[in-house]
Amino acid sequence: FFPVCFAIYYLLIFMQLKEKVYVFTKKYRVIDLMLIGIS
């Protein structure tokens, strides 16, 4: 659980370095939805 959870989380964080991905993840709150799902 721990490695999978944080691998997905940090992957999404690093993907946000691209402007288009950042806009998409911010608009649809992908990281927050991922945290809710994993929780």
Full PDB file with SEQRES, HELIX, SHEET, SSBOND, CRYST1, ORIGX, SCALE, CONECT and MASTER records, all heavy atoms in Angstrom:
SEQRES   1 A   39  PHE PHE PRO VAL CYS PHE ALA ILE TYR TYR LEU LEU ILE          
SEQRES   2 A   39  PHE MET GLN LEU LYS GLU LYS VAL TYR VAL PHE THR LYS          
SEQRES   3 A   39  LYS TYR ARG VAL ILE ASP LEU MET LEU ILE GLY ILE SER          
HELIX    1 AA1 PHE A    2  MET A   15  1                                  14    
HELIX    2 AA2 GLU A   19  TYR A   28  1                                  10    
HELIX    3 AA3 VAL A   30  ILE A   38  1                                   9    
CRYST1    1.000    1.000    1.000  90.00  90.00  90.00 P 1           1          
ORIGX1      1.000000  0.000000  0.000000        0.00000                         
ORIGX2      0.000000  1.000000  0.000000        0.00000                         
ORIGX3      0.000000  0.000000  1.000000        0.00000                         
SCALE1      1.000000  0.000000  0.000000        0.00000                         
SCALE2      0.000000  1.000000  0.000000        0.00000                         
SCALE3      0.000000  0.000000  1.000000        0.00000                         
ATOM      1  N   PHE A   1       0.822  -1.211   0.000  1.00  0.00           N  
ATOM      2  CA  PHE A   1       0.000   0.000   0.000  1.00  0.00           C  
ATOM      3  C   PHE A   1       0.859   1.265   0.000  1.00  0.00           C  
ATOM      4  O   PHE A   1       0.642   2.181  -0.807  1.00  0.00           O  
ATOM      5  CB  PHE A   1      -0.927  -0.001   1.226  1.00  0.00           C  
ATOM      6  CG  PHE A   1      -1.830   1.199   1.288  1.00  0.00           C  
ATOM      7  CD1 PHE A   1      -3.067   1.189   0.669  1.00  0.00           C  
ATOM      8  CD2 PHE A   1      -1.440   2.352   1.969  1.00  0.00           C  
ATOM      9  CE1 PHE A   1      -3.899   2.299   0.725  1.00  0.00           C  
ATOM     10  CE2 PHE A   1      -2.254   3.461   2.031  1.00  0.00           C  
ATOM     11  CZ  PHE A   1      -3.483   3.433   1.404  1.00  0.00           C  
ATOM     12  N   PHE A   2       1.832   1.324   0.904  1.00  0.00           N  
ATOM     13  CA  PHE A   2       2.661   2.521   1.047  1.00  0.00           C  
ATOM     14  C   PHE A   2       3.402   2.865  -0.248  1.00  0.00           C  
ATOM     15  O   PHE A   2       3.293   3.988  -0.753  1.00  0.00           O  
ATOM     16  CB  PHE A   2       3.632   2.324   2.207  1.00  0.00           C  
ATOM     17  CG  PHE A   2       4.552   3.480   2.460  1.00  0.00           C  
ATOM     18  CD1 PHE A   2       4.152   4.544   3.246  1.00  0.00           C  
ATOM     19  CD2 PHE A   2       5.823   3.505   1.908  1.00  0.00           C  
ATOM     20  CE1 PHE A   2       5.001   5.615   3.479  1.00  0.00           C  
ATOM     21  CE2 PHE A   2       6.683   4.571   2.131  1.00  0.00           C  
ATOM     22  CZ  PHE A   2       6.267   5.633   2.918  1.00  0.00           C  
ATOM     23  N   PRO A   3       4.172   1.940  -0.833  1.00  0.00           N  
ATOM     24  CA  PRO A   3       4.900   2.302  -2.058  1.00  0.00           C  
ATOM     25  C   PRO A   3       3.986   2.620  -3.233  1.00  0.00           C  
ATOM     26  O   PRO A   3       4.264   3.547  -4.010  1.00  0.00           O  
ATOM     27  CB  PRO A   3       5.772   1.074  -2.339  1.00  0.00           C  
ATOM     28  CG  PRO A   3       5.186  -0.028  -1.551  1.00  0.00           C  
ATOM     29  CD  PRO A   3       4.527   0.582  -0.377  1.00  0.00           C  
ATOM     30  N   VAL A   4       2.880   1.874  -3.403  1.00  0.00           N  
ATOM     31  CA  VAL A   4       1.958   2.137  -4.511  1.00  0.00           C  
ATOM     32  C   VAL A   4       1.306   3.506  -4.367  1.00  0.00           C  
ATOM     33  O   VAL A   4       1.225   4.289  -5.323  1.00  0.00           O  
ATOM     34  CB  VAL A   4       0.893   1.028  -4.605  1.00  0.00           C  
ATOM     35  CG1 VAL A   4      -0.202   1.412  -5.599  1.00  0.00           C  
ATOM     36  CG2 VAL A   4       1.530  -0.290  -5.009  1.00  0.00           C  
ATOM     37  N   CYS A   5       0.844   3.799  -3.149  1.00  0.00           N  
ATOM     38  CA  CYS A   5       0.178   5.076  -2.879  1.00  0.00           C  
ATOM     39  C   CYS A   5       1.101   6.255  -3.194  1.00  0.00           C  
ATOM     40  O   CYS A   5       0.718   7.187  -3.911  1.00  0.00           O  
ATOM     41  CB  CYS A   5      -0.273   5.128  -1.421  1.00  0.00           C  
ATOM     42  SG  CYS A   5      -0.852   6.758  -0.883  1.00  0.00           S  
ATOM     43  N   PHE A   6       2.300   6.197  -2.688  1.00  0.00           N  
ATOM     44  CA  PHE A   6       3.195   7.344  -2.868  1.00  0.00           C  
ATOM     45  C   PHE A   6       3.797   7.392  -4.269  1.00  0.00           C  
ATOM     46  O   PHE A   6       4.127   8.472  -4.760  1.00  0.00           O  
ATOM     47  CB  PHE A   6       4.282   7.327  -1.789  1.00  0.00           C  
ATOM     48  CG  PHE A   6       3.766   7.752  -0.459  1.00  0.00           C  
ATOM     49  CD1 PHE A   6       3.301   6.814   0.446  1.00  0.00           C  
ATOM     50  CD2 PHE A   6       3.704   9.088  -0.123  1.00  0.00           C  
ATOM     51  CE1 PHE A   6       2.796   7.204   1.674  1.00  0.00           C  
ATOM     52  CE2 PHE A   6       3.203   9.488   1.102  1.00  0.00           C  
ATOM     53  CZ  PHE A   6       2.746   8.552   2.005  1.00  0.00           C  
ATOM     54  N   ALA A   7       3.911   6.243  -4.936  1.00  0.00           N  
ATOM     55  CA  ALA A   7       4.366   6.244  -6.329  1.00  0.00           C  
ATOM     56  C   ALA A   7       3.349   6.976  -7.203  1.00  0.00           C  
ATOM     57  O   ALA A   7       3.717   7.816  -8.048  1.00  0.00           O  
ATOM     58  CB  ALA A   7       4.563   4.811  -6.816  1.00  0.00           C  
ATOM     59  N   ILE A   8       2.064   6.678  -7.009  1.00  0.00           N  
ATOM     60  CA  ILE A   8       1.013   7.353  -7.776  1.00  0.00           C  
ATOM     61  C   ILE A   8       0.970   8.839  -7.439  1.00  0.00           C  
ATOM     62  O   ILE A   8       0.865   9.700  -8.336  1.00  0.00           O  
ATOM     63  CB  ILE A   8      -0.357   6.705  -7.494  1.00  0.00           C  
ATOM     64  CG1 ILE A   8      -0.373   5.247  -7.963  1.00  0.00           C  
ATOM     65  CG2 ILE A   8      -1.475   7.479  -8.186  1.00  0.00           C  
ATOM     66  CD1 ILE A   8      -1.619   4.488  -7.566  1.00  0.00           C  
ATOM     67  N   TYR A   9       1.077   9.151  -6.162  1.00  0.00           N  
ATOM     68  CA  TYR A   9       0.999  10.546  -5.730  1.00  0.00           C  
ATOM     69  C   TYR A   9       2.124  11.381  -6.330  1.00  0.00           C  
ATOM     70  O   TYR A   9       1.886  12.455  -6.922  1.00  0.00           O  
ATOM     71  CB  TYR A   9       1.044  10.609  -4.201  1.00  0.00           C  
ATOM     72  CG  TYR A   9       1.021  12.017  -3.645  1.00  0.00           C  
ATOM     73  CD1 TYR A   9      -0.162  12.737  -3.574  1.00  0.00           C  
ATOM     74  CD2 TYR A   9       2.189  12.624  -3.184  1.00  0.00           C  
ATOM     75  CE1 TYR A   9      -0.190  14.031  -3.075  1.00  0.00           C  
ATOM     76  CE2 TYR A   9       2.174  13.914  -2.682  1.00  0.00           C  
ATOM     77  CZ  TYR A   9       0.974  14.607  -2.632  1.00  0.00           C  
ATOM     78  OH  TYR A   9       0.963  15.891  -2.145  1.00  0.00           O  
ATOM     79  N   TYR A  10       3.350  10.903  -6.213  1.00  0.00           N  
ATOM     80  CA  TYR A  10       4.483  11.683  -6.716  1.00  0.00           C  
ATOM     81  C   TYR A  10       4.541  11.682  -8.245  1.00  0.00           C  
ATOM     82  O   TYR A  10       5.036  12.633  -8.851  1.00  0.00           O  
ATOM     83  CB  TYR A  10       5.789  11.166  -6.119  1.00  0.00           C  
ATOM     84  CG  TYR A  10       5.951  11.558  -4.669  1.00  0.00           C  
ATOM     85  CD1 TYR A  10       5.880  10.601  -3.659  1.00  0.00           C  
ATOM     86  CD2 TYR A  10       6.136  12.886  -4.308  1.00  0.00           C  
ATOM     87  CE1 TYR A  10       5.995  10.963  -2.324  1.00  0.00           C  
ATOM     88  CE2 TYR A  10       6.261  13.250  -2.976  1.00  0.00           C  
ATOM     89  CZ  TYR A  10       6.189  12.289  -1.993  1.00  0.00           C  
ATOM     90  OH  TYR A  10       6.302  12.656  -0.672  1.00  0.00           O  
ATOM     91  N   LEU A  11       4.028  10.641  -8.867  1.00  0.00           N  
ATOM     92  CA  LEU A  11       3.934  10.641 -10.326  1.00  0.00           C  
ATOM     93  C   LEU A  11       3.014  11.764 -10.797  1.00  0.00           C  
ATOM     94  O   LEU A  11       3.343  12.493 -11.753  1.00  0.00           O  
ATOM     95  CB  LEU A  11       3.411   9.283 -10.815  1.00  0.00           C  
ATOM     96  CG  LEU A  11       3.212   9.143 -12.341  1.00  0.00           C  
ATOM     97  CD1 LEU A  11       4.544   9.304 -13.058  1.00  0.00           C  
ATOM     98  CD2 LEU A  11       2.565   7.801 -12.669  1.00  0.00           C  
ATOM     99  N   LEU A  12       1.875  11.913 -10.117  1.00  0.00           N  
ATOM    100  CA  LEU A  12       0.952  12.996 -10.466  1.00  0.00           C  
ATOM    101  C   LEU A  12       1.571  14.361 -10.184  1.00  0.00           C  
ATOM    102  O   LEU A  12       1.372  15.313 -10.947  1.00  0.00           O  
ATOM    103  CB  LEU A  12      -0.353  12.835  -9.673  1.00  0.00           C  
ATOM    104  CG  LEU A  12      -1.236  11.639 -10.054  1.00  0.00           C  
ATOM    105  CD1 LEU A  12      -2.402  11.515  -9.084  1.00  0.00           C  
ATOM    106  CD2 LEU A  12      -1.742  11.793 -11.485  1.00  0.00           C  
ATOM    107  N   ILE A  13       2.333  14.447  -9.108  1.00  0.00           N  
ATOM    108  CA  ILE A  13       2.988  15.715  -8.776  1.00  0.00           C  
ATOM    109  C   ILE A  13       3.983  16.096  -9.873  1.00  0.00           C  
ATOM    110  O   ILE A  13       4.002  17.247 -10.347  1.00  0.00           O  
ATOM    111  CB  ILE A  13       3.706  15.614  -7.414  1.00  0.00           C  
ATOM    112  CG1 ILE A  13       2.692  15.520  -6.272  1.00  0.00           C  
ATOM    113  CG2 ILE A  13       4.623  16.822  -7.207  1.00  0.00           C  
ATOM    114  CD1 ILE A  13       1.864  16.749  -6.034  1.00  0.00           C  
ATOM    115  N   PHE A  14       4.791  15.146 -10.298  1.00  0.00           N  
ATOM    116  CA  PHE A  14       5.801  15.444 -11.327  1.00  0.00           C  
ATOM    117  C   PHE A  14       5.157  15.686 -12.696  1.00  0.00           C  
ATOM    118  O   PHE A  14       5.675  16.463 -13.497  1.00  0.00           O  
ATOM    119  CB  PHE A  14       6.827  14.316 -11.405  1.00  0.00           C  
ATOM    120  CG  PHE A  14       7.778  14.294 -10.255  1.00  0.00           C  
ATOM    121  CD1 PHE A  14       7.874  13.179  -9.426  1.00  0.00           C  
ATOM    122  CD2 PHE A  14       8.588  15.385  -9.963  1.00  0.00           C  
ATOM    123  CE1 PHE A  14       8.747  13.162  -8.341  1.00  0.00           C  
ATOM    124  CE2 PHE A  14       9.459  15.377  -8.889  1.00  0.00           C  
ATOM    125  CZ  PHE A  14       9.544  14.269  -8.074  1.00  0.00           C  
ATOM    126  N   MET A  15       4.039  15.038 -12.956  1.00  0.00           N  
ATOM    127  CA  MET A  15       3.335  15.281 -14.216  1.00  0.00           C  
ATOM    128  C   MET A  15       2.801  16.708 -14.292  1.00  0.00           C  
ATOM    129  O   MET A  15       2.607  17.260 -15.379  1.00  0.00           O  
ATOM    130  CB  MET A  15       2.188  14.275 -14.383  1.00  0.00           C  
ATOM    131  CG  MET A  15       2.642  12.858 -14.729  1.00  0.00           C  
ATOM    132  SD  MET A  15       1.262  11.679 -14.765  1.00  0.00           S  
ATOM    133  CE  MET A  15       0.277  12.356 -16.103  1.00  0.00           C  
ATOM    134  N   GLN A  16       2.558  17.306 -13.127  1.00  0.00           N  
ATOM    135  CA  GLN A  16       2.046  18.672 -13.095  1.00  0.00           C  
ATOM    136  C   GLN A  16       3.078  19.698 -13.559  1.00  0.00           C  
ATOM    137  O   GLN A  16       2.745  20.866 -13.753  1.00  0.00           O  
ATOM    138  CB  GLN A  16       1.575  19.034 -11.683  1.00  0.00           C  
ATOM    139  CG  GLN A  16       0.249  18.415 -11.309  1.00  0.00           C  
ATOM    140  CD  GLN A  16      -0.270  18.945  -9.981  1.00  0.00           C  
ATOM    141  OE1 GLN A  16       0.461  19.531  -9.184  1.00  0.00           O  
ATOM    142  NE2 GLN A  16      -1.546  18.753  -9.732  1.00  0.00           N  
ATOM    143  N   LEU A  17       4.326  19.260 -13.725  1.00  0.00           N  
ATOM    144  CA  LEU A  17       5.346  20.182 -14.220  1.00  0.00           C  
ATOM    145  C   LEU A  17       5.032  20.632 -15.651  1.00  0.00           C  
ATOM    146  O   LEU A  17       5.464  21.704 -16.077  1.00  0.00           O  
ATOM    147  CB  LEU A  17       6.724  19.518 -14.161  1.00  0.00           C  
ATOM    148  CG  LEU A  17       7.228  19.163 -12.753  1.00  0.00           C  
ATOM    149  CD1 LEU A  17       8.557  18.422 -12.839  1.00  0.00           C  
ATOM    150  CD2 LEU A  17       7.378  20.410 -11.889  1.00  0.00           C  
ATOM    151  N   LYS A  18       4.268  19.806 -16.372  1.00  0.00           N  
ATOM    152  CA  LYS A  18       3.805  20.207 -17.695  1.00  0.00           C  
ATOM    153  C   LYS A  18       2.543  21.053 -17.550  1.00  0.00           C  
ATOM    154  O   LYS A  18       1.611  20.684 -16.836  1.00  0.00           O  
ATOM    155  CB  LYS A  18       3.514  18.972 -18.552  1.00  0.00           C  
ATOM    156  CG  LYS A  18       4.742  18.123 -18.838  1.00  0.00           C  
ATOM    157  CD  LYS A  18       4.396  16.950 -19.722  1.00  0.00           C  
ATOM    158  CE  LYS A  18       5.636  16.118 -20.052  1.00  0.00           C  
ATOM    159  NZ  LYS A  18       5.312  14.964 -20.928  1.00  0.00           N  
ATOM    160  N   GLU A  19       2.527  22.168 -18.231  1.00  0.00           N  
ATOM    161  CA  GLU A  19       1.458  23.152 -18.030  1.00  0.00           C  
ATOM    162  C   GLU A  19       0.078  22.576 -18.341  1.00  0.00           C  
ATOM    163  O   GLU A  19      -0.872  22.788 -17.591  1.00  0.00           O  
ATOM    164  CB  GLU A  19       1.717  24.374 -18.910  1.00  0.00           C  
ATOM    165  CG  GLU A  19       0.713  25.493 -18.654  1.00  0.00           C  
ATOM    166  CD  GLU A  19       1.025  26.752 -19.451  1.00  0.00           C  
ATOM    167  OE1 GLU A  19       2.119  26.814 -20.057  1.00  0.00           O  
ATOM    168  OE2 GLU A  19       0.183  27.642 -19.463  1.00  0.00           O  
ATOM    169  N   LYS A  20      -0.050  21.824 -19.436  1.00  0.00           N  
ATOM    170  CA  LYS A  20      -1.354  21.287 -19.813  1.00  0.00           C  
ATOM    171  C   LYS A  20      -1.849  20.285 -18.774  1.00  0.00           C  
ATOM    172  O   LYS A  20      -3.027  20.262 -18.419  1.00  0.00           O  
ATOM    173  CB  LYS A  20      -1.276  20.632 -21.184  1.00  0.00           C  
ATOM    174  CG  LYS A  20      -1.061  21.621 -22.327  1.00  0.00           C  
ATOM    175  CD  LYS A  20      -1.079  20.901 -23.663  1.00  0.00           C  
ATOM    176  CE  LYS A  20      -0.896  21.902 -24.810  1.00  0.00           C  
ATOM    177  NZ  LYS A  20      -0.896  21.213 -26.135  1.00  0.00           N  
ATOM    178  N   VAL A  21      -0.938  19.451 -18.321  1.00  0.00           N  
ATOM    179  CA  VAL A  21      -1.313  18.469 -17.292  1.00  0.00           C  
ATOM    180  C   VAL A  21      -1.687  19.183 -16.003  1.00  0.00           C  
ATOM    181  O   VAL A  21      -2.638  18.800 -15.315  1.00  0.00           O  
ATOM    182  CB  VAL A  21      -0.153  17.484 -17.046  1.00  0.00           C  
ATOM    183  CG1 VAL A  21      -0.508  16.514 -15.917  1.00  0.00           C  
ATOM    184  CG2 VAL A  21       0.163  16.718 -18.317  1.00  0.00           C  
ATOM    185  N   TYR A  22      -0.935  20.250 -15.659  1.00  0.00           N  
ATOM    186  CA  TYR A  22      -1.205  21.004 -14.436  1.00  0.00           C  
ATOM    187  C   TYR A  22      -2.613  21.598 -14.465  1.00  0.00           C  
ATOM    188  O   TYR A  22      -3.353  21.517 -13.483  1.00  0.00           O  
ATOM    189  CB  TYR A  22      -0.174  22.115 -14.272  1.00  0.00           C  
ATOM    190  CG  TYR A  22      -0.420  23.005 -13.079  1.00  0.00           C  
ATOM    191  CD1 TYR A  22      -0.047  22.595 -11.808  1.00  0.00           C  
ATOM    192  CD2 TYR A  22      -1.036  24.251 -13.227  1.00  0.00           C  
ATOM    193  CE1 TYR A  22      -0.276  23.393 -10.707  1.00  0.00           C  
ATOM    194  CE2 TYR A  22      -1.273  25.059 -12.134  1.00  0.00           C  
ATOM    195  CZ  TYR A  22      -0.888  24.635 -10.882  1.00  0.00           C  
ATOM    196  OH  TYR A  22      -1.125  25.428  -9.788  1.00  0.00           O  
ATOM    197  N   VAL A  23      -2.985  22.180 -15.595  1.00  0.00           N  
ATOM    198  CA  VAL A  23      -4.324  22.777 -15.735  1.00  0.00           C  
ATOM    199  C   VAL A  23      -5.399  21.713 -15.575  1.00  0.00           C  
ATOM    200  O   VAL A  23      -6.400  21.912 -14.892  1.00  0.00           O  
ATOM    201  CB  VAL A  23      -4.464  23.490 -17.094  1.00  0.00           C  
ATOM    202  CG1 VAL A  23      -5.900  23.960 -17.304  1.00  0.00           C  
ATOM    203  CG2 VAL A  23      -3.505  24.678 -17.172  1.00  0.00           C  
ATOM    204  N   PHE A  24      -5.171  20.553 -16.197  1.00  0.00           N  
ATOM    205  CA  PHE A  24      -6.160  19.469 -16.134  1.00  0.00           C  
ATOM    206  C   PHE A  24      -6.308  18.934 -14.705  1.00  0.00           C  
ATOM    207  O   PHE A  24      -7.423  18.780 -14.197  1.00  0.00           O  
ATOM    208  CB  PHE A  24      -5.740  18.334 -17.078  1.00  0.00           C  
ATOM    209  CG  PHE A  24      -6.637  17.140 -17.013  1.00  0.00           C  
ATOM    210  CD1 PHE A  24      -7.849  17.114 -17.690  1.00  0.00           C  
ATOM    211  CD2 PHE A  24      -6.275  16.018 -16.259  1.00  0.00           C  
ATOM    212  CE1 PHE A  24      -8.679  16.017 -17.621  1.00  0.00           C  
ATOM    213  CE2 PHE A  24      -7.098  14.913 -16.188  1.00  0.00           C  
ATOM    214  CZ  PHE A  24      -8.310  14.912 -16.875  1.00  0.00           C  
ATOM    215  N   THR A  25      -5.167  18.641 -14.068  1.00  0.00           N  
ATOM    216  CA  THR A  25      -5.229  18.077 -12.716  1.00  0.00           C  
ATOM    217  C   THR A  25      -5.781  19.071 -11.704  1.00  0.00           C  
ATOM    218  O   THR A  25      -6.461  18.685 -10.758  1.00  0.00           O  
ATOM    219  CB  THR A  25      -3.830  17.617 -12.258  1.00  0.00           C  
ATOM    220  OG1 THR A  25      -2.904  18.719 -12.366  1.00  0.00           O  
ATOM    221  CG2 THR A  25      -3.341  16.451 -13.099  1.00  0.00           C  
ATOM    222  N   LYS A  26      -5.496  20.356 -11.902  1.00  0.00           N  
ATOM    223  CA  LYS A  26      -6.030  21.379 -11.006  1.00  0.00           C  
ATOM    224  C   LYS A  26      -7.535  21.526 -11.188  1.00  0.00           C  
ATOM    225  O   LYS A  26      -8.296  21.643 -10.219  1.00  0.00           O  
ATOM    226  CB  LYS A  26      -5.340  22.722 -11.261  1.00  0.00           C  
ATOM    227  CG  LYS A  26      -4.082  22.949 -10.451  1.00  0.00           C  
ATOM    228  CD  LYS A  26      -4.416  23.115  -8.969  1.00  0.00           C  
ATOM    229  CE  LYS A  26      -3.175  23.435  -8.150  1.00  0.00           C  
ATOM    230  NZ  LYS A  26      -3.494  23.539  -6.710  1.00  0.00           N  
ATOM    231  N   LYS A  27      -7.963  21.548 -12.441  1.00  0.00           N  
ATOM    232  CA  LYS A  27      -9.380  21.753 -12.728  1.00  0.00           C  
ATOM    233  C   LYS A  27     -10.231  20.621 -12.187  1.00  0.00           C  
ATOM    234  O   LYS A  27     -11.290  20.839 -11.593  1.00  0.00           O  
ATOM    235  CB  LYS A  27      -9.577  21.897 -14.233  1.00  0.00           C  
ATOM    236  CG  LYS A  27     -11.033  22.146 -14.645  1.00  0.00           C  
ATOM    237  CD  LYS A  27     -11.155  22.305 -16.147  1.00  0.00           C  
ATOM    238  CE  LYS A  27     -12.609  22.541 -16.549  1.00  0.00           C  
ATOM    239  NZ  LYS A  27     -12.757  22.693 -18.025  1.00  0.00           N  
ATOM    240  N   TYR A  28      -9.782  19.404 -12.400  1.00  0.00           N  
ATOM    241  CA  TYR A  28     -10.568  18.237 -11.992  1.00  0.00           C  
ATOM    242  C   TYR A  28     -10.095  17.636 -10.671  1.00  0.00           C  
ATOM    243  O   TYR A  28     -10.598  16.593 -10.248  1.00  0.00           O  
ATOM    244  CB  TYR A  28     -10.534  17.178 -13.093  1.00  0.00           C  
ATOM    245  CG  TYR A  28     -11.201  17.643 -14.360  1.00  0.00           C  
ATOM    246  CD1 TYR A  28     -10.454  18.078 -15.448  1.00  0.00           C  
ATOM    247  CD2 TYR A  28     -12.592  17.675 -14.466  1.00  0.00           C  
ATOM    248  CE1 TYR A  28     -11.067  18.518 -16.616  1.00  0.00           C  
ATOM    249  CE2 TYR A  28     -13.215  18.109 -15.622  1.00  0.00           C  
ATOM    250  CZ  TYR A  28     -12.438  18.532 -16.694  1.00  0.00           C  
ATOM    251  OH  TYR A  28     -13.058  18.974 -17.845  1.00  0.00           O  
ATOM    252  N   ARG A  29      -9.109  18.286 -10.039  1.00  0.00           N  
ATOM    253  CA  ARG A  29      -8.619  17.899  -8.713  1.00  0.00           C  
ATOM    254  C   ARG A  29      -8.270  16.412  -8.668  1.00  0.00           C  
ATOM    255  O   ARG A  29      -8.709  15.659  -7.798  1.00  0.00           O  
ATOM    256  CB  ARG A  29      -9.645  18.263  -7.651  1.00  0.00           C  
ATOM    257  CG  ARG A  29     -10.004  19.744  -7.623  1.00  0.00           C  
ATOM    258  CD  ARG A  29     -10.829  20.125  -6.448  1.00  0.00           C  
ATOM    259  NE  ARG A  29     -10.118  19.933  -5.203  1.00  0.00           N  
ATOM    260  CZ  ARG A  29     -10.632  20.236  -3.998  1.00  0.00           C  
ATOM    261  NH1 ARG A  29     -11.842  20.755  -3.929  1.00  0.00           N  
ATOM    262  NH2 ARG A  29      -9.946  20.031  -2.912  1.00  0.00           N  
ATOM    263  N   VAL A  30      -7.461  16.016  -9.616  1.00  0.00           N  
ATOM    264  CA  VAL A  30      -7.105  14.609  -9.779  1.00  0.00           C  
ATOM    265  C   VAL A  30      -6.377  14.071  -8.550  1.00  0.00           C  
ATOM    266  O   VAL A  30      -6.642  12.952  -8.088  1.00  0.00           O  
ATOM    267  CB  VAL A  30      -6.228  14.428 -11.043  1.00  0.00           C  
ATOM    268  CG1 VAL A  30      -5.754  12.978 -11.156  1.00  0.00           C  
ATOM    269  CG2 VAL A  30      -7.011  14.829 -12.278  1.00  0.00           C  
ATOM    270  N   ILE A  31      -5.453  14.872  -8.012  1.00  0.00           N  
ATOM    271  CA  ILE A  31      -4.678  14.398  -6.851  1.00  0.00           C  
ATOM    272  C   ILE A  31      -5.585  14.202  -5.643  1.00  0.00           C  
ATOM    273  O   ILE A  31      -5.476  13.197  -4.920  1.00  0.00           O  
ATOM    274  CB  ILE A  31      -3.547  15.390  -6.531  1.00  0.00           C  
ATOM    275  CG1 ILE A  31      -2.523  15.406  -7.669  1.00  0.00           C  
ATOM    276  CG2 ILE A  31      -2.869  15.024  -5.211  1.00  0.00           C  
ATOM    277  CD1 ILE A  31      -1.376  16.363  -7.458  1.00  0.00           C  
ATOM    278  N   ASP A  32      -6.498  15.141  -5.411  1.00  0.00           N  
ATOM    279  CA  ASP A  32      -7.417  15.002  -4.278  1.00  0.00           C  
ATOM    280  C   ASP A  32      -8.324  13.791  -4.453  1.00  0.00           C  
ATOM    281  O   ASP A  32      -8.593  13.059  -3.493  1.00  0.00           O  
ATOM    282  CB  ASP A  32      -8.259  16.269  -4.136  1.00  0.00           C  
ATOM    283  CG  ASP A  32      -7.447  17.464  -3.666  1.00  0.00           C  
ATOM    284  OD1 ASP A  32      -6.400  17.234  -3.035  1.00  0.00           O  
ATOM    285  OD2 ASP A  32      -7.837  18.605  -3.929  1.00  0.00           O  
ATOM    286  N   LEU A  33      -8.801  13.572  -5.672  1.00  0.00           N  
ATOM    287  CA  LEU A  33      -9.644  12.401  -5.933  1.00  0.00           C  
ATOM    288  C   LEU A  33      -8.863  11.110  -5.730  1.00  0.00           C  
ATOM    289  O   LEU A  33      -9.400  10.115  -5.225  1.00  0.00           O  
ATOM    290  CB  LEU A  33     -10.194  12.469  -7.356  1.00  0.00           C  
ATOM    291  CG  LEU A  33     -11.264  13.542  -7.610  1.00  0.00           C  
ATOM    292  CD1 LEU A  33     -11.597  13.630  -9.093  1.00  0.00           C  
ATOM    293  CD2 LEU A  33     -12.520  13.257  -6.795  1.00  0.00           C  
ATOM    294  N   MET A  34      -7.569  11.129  -6.129  1.00  0.00           N  
ATOM    295  CA  MET A  34      -6.730   9.954  -5.902  1.00  0.00           C  
ATOM    296  C   MET A  34      -6.573   9.674  -4.420  1.00  0.00           C  
ATOM    297  O   MET A  34      -6.675   8.515  -3.981  1.00  0.00           O  
ATOM    298  CB  MET A  34      -5.356  10.172  -6.543  1.00  0.00           C  
ATOM    299  CG  MET A  34      -4.411   8.968  -6.453  1.00  0.00           C  
ATOM    300  SD  MET A  34      -3.512   8.799  -4.871  1.00  0.00           S  
ATOM    301  CE  MET A  34      -2.452  10.240  -4.924  1.00  0.00           C  
ATOM    302  N   LEU A  35      -6.353  10.733  -3.634  1.00  0.00           N  
ATOM    303  CA  LEU A  35      -6.196  10.552  -2.184  1.00  0.00           C  
ATOM    304  C   LEU A  35      -7.475  10.044  -1.545  1.00  0.00           C  
ATOM    305  O   LEU A  35      -7.444   9.213  -0.628  1.00  0.00           O  
ATOM    306  CB  LEU A  35      -5.766  11.876  -1.541  1.00  0.00           C  
ATOM    307  CG  LEU A  35      -4.328  12.330  -1.827  1.00  0.00           C  
ATOM    308  CD1 LEU A  35      -4.075  13.714  -1.227  1.00  0.00           C  
ATOM    309  CD2 LEU A  35      -3.324  11.333  -1.266  1.00  0.00           C  
ATOM    310  N   ILE A  36      -8.624  10.540  -2.019  1.00  0.00           N  
ATOM    311  CA  ILE A  36      -9.901  10.044  -1.492  1.00  0.00           C  
ATOM    312  C   ILE A  36     -10.071   8.569  -1.829  1.00  0.00           C  
ATOM    313  O   ILE A  36     -10.472   7.751  -0.977  1.00  0.00           O  
ATOM    314  CB  ILE A  36     -11.079  10.860  -2.066  1.00  0.00           C  
ATOM    315  CG1 ILE A  36     -11.043  12.291  -1.532  1.00  0.00           C  
ATOM    316  CG2 ILE A  36     -12.415  10.201  -1.699  1.00  0.00           C  
ATOM    317  CD1 ILE A  36     -12.040  13.216  -2.176  1.00  0.00           C  
ATOM    318  N   GLY A  37      -9.757   8.204  -3.069  1.00  0.00           N  
ATOM    319  CA  GLY A  37      -9.885   6.806  -3.488  1.00  0.00           C  
ATOM    320  C   GLY A  37      -8.975   5.887  -2.701  1.00  0.00           C  
ATOM    321  O   GLY A  37      -9.404   4.821  -2.236  1.00  0.00           O  
ATOM    322  N   ILE A  38      -7.723   6.284  -2.538  1.00  0.00           N  
ATOM    323  CA  ILE A  38      -6.770   5.436  -1.813  1.00  0.00           C  
ATOM    324  C   ILE A  38      -7.136   5.378  -0.336  1.00  0.00           C  
ATOM    325  O   ILE A  38      -6.944   4.347   0.327  1.00  0.00           O  
ATOM    326  CB  ILE A  38      -5.323   5.958  -2.014  1.00  0.00           C  
ATOM    327  CG1 ILE A  38      -4.310   4.823  -1.842  1.00  0.00           C  
ATOM    328  CG2 ILE A  38      -4.985   7.094  -1.092  1.00  0.00           C  
ATOM    329  CD1 ILE A  38      -4.173   3.940  -3.034  1.00  0.00           C  
ATOM    330  N   SER A  39      -7.697   6.459   0.212  1.00  0.00           N  
ATOM    331  CA  SER A  39      -8.127   6.476   1.617  1.00  0.00           C  
ATOM    332  C   SER A  39      -9.333   5.569   1.823  1.00  0.00           C  
ATOM    333  O   SER A  39      -9.425   4.863   2.836  1.00  0.00           O  
ATOM    334  CB  SER A  39      -8.458   7.908   2.058  1.00  0.00           C  
ATOM    335  OG  SER A  39      -7.318   8.739   2.012  1.00  0.00           O  
TER     336      SER A  39                                                      
MASTER        0    0    0    3    0    0    0    6  335    1    0    3          
END                                                                             
